[in-house]
Amino acid sequence: MSDLPGRIAIKEEGPREGFQFEKGEIPTARKIALIDALSGTGLRQIQLVSFVPAKNVPGMADAEQVVAGFTRAPGVAYTGLWLNERGLERAIATGKLDIRGHLNLTASETFLLRNQKRTLAENLEALHGIAAMYRRRQVPMDRISIAAAFGCNFEGDIPVGVLLAQVRQMLAVAREHGFEVRTLSLADTMAWATPLSIKRVVGAVREAHPELQIGLHLHDTRGMGIANAWAGLEMGVAQYDAAVGGLGGCPFAAHKGAAGNVCTEDLVFMCEEMGIETGVDLEALLEAARLAEDIVGHPLPGAVKTGGSLRTLRAGIAAAAAA
């Protein structure tokens, strides 16, 4: 238990992850309503939209309108996602987002071909262009990430050696373009991770690159999301991506049960009960989760929004005892 962090940082990705994955059209005003609700929960980073072609991701066709309509809250960073220079230009043009760059590789070539129509070699070469773009536009960049880091529905388990080689390659690209990387995000894009593989991979990365902070992006397709987050906490990981209500999934995973990221309120609840600070008001977050469920019009997998927080139950028991 000695490696448990005293505080974690959560990047909320529900608006982007969820609304790009949902099948029906969601009104722009309702997307904005969820973002504004999340802004009042104490979360310090919220990813709003993807700047990608609408023909590929119809749920992001109104990205600019969403960004134009939300209300910024003090102390909250609002970000977007892009895959190329055109996407970055769109994000910058909003004049309203916190623009920070990152470099991304994908551990599975088959998945990469389906997702971005690139080979691994082409993906690595493209990183030079992306890093040069950030340098040219004076966009700060200190983060790298690897998708499908723990396994792939098309290729199976990803050897740790492959992962470490990709980390070295990205660090070399960043250095060549004058950037210092501080954080490595490992994405369990297709939910192959288990608590054992989380510990094995995080341990190997930490041993090879003790200078890097590690973040986890954990999908919950096989019900391992919160268990994998716990394994990450035991390894001292203090940065997590999460999605309110468990919104979202991977539209390119070719898995009919592909689920969203680990549920934000369930993660906050677990940390709260363990004495790990998140800075998040759980009750406000639960209200946002119920709003998200209402917006999409179907049940979302988050458990605590239904079961409630123990803090509320304890308060009720104490009040009854005092009466």
Foldseek 3Di string as FASTA:
>chain_A
DVLFDQAFAEAAEAQAQFLLFFDDAFDLVLLQVLVQLQQPFQHAHYEHHEQDDCVVRVSRPCVLVNQLPHDHDPRHAYHYHYDDPVRVVSRVVSVRHQFADEQEAELDQVLCCLPPVDGRVRSLVVRLVVLVVCVVVVHAYAEYEYACQQAAPVGGGRDLVSVVVVVVSNCVSQVVSPHHHAEYEYENQQAPDALVSLCVNVVVCCVVCVRHQYEYWHWCLPPRQLVNVVSCSVNNRRYYYAYALFGHFDPSRPDPSGTHTHHPLVNCLVCVVVSRHHSTNSVSSLVSSVSVCVSSVHHGPDDCNPVPHVVVVVVVVVVVVVD
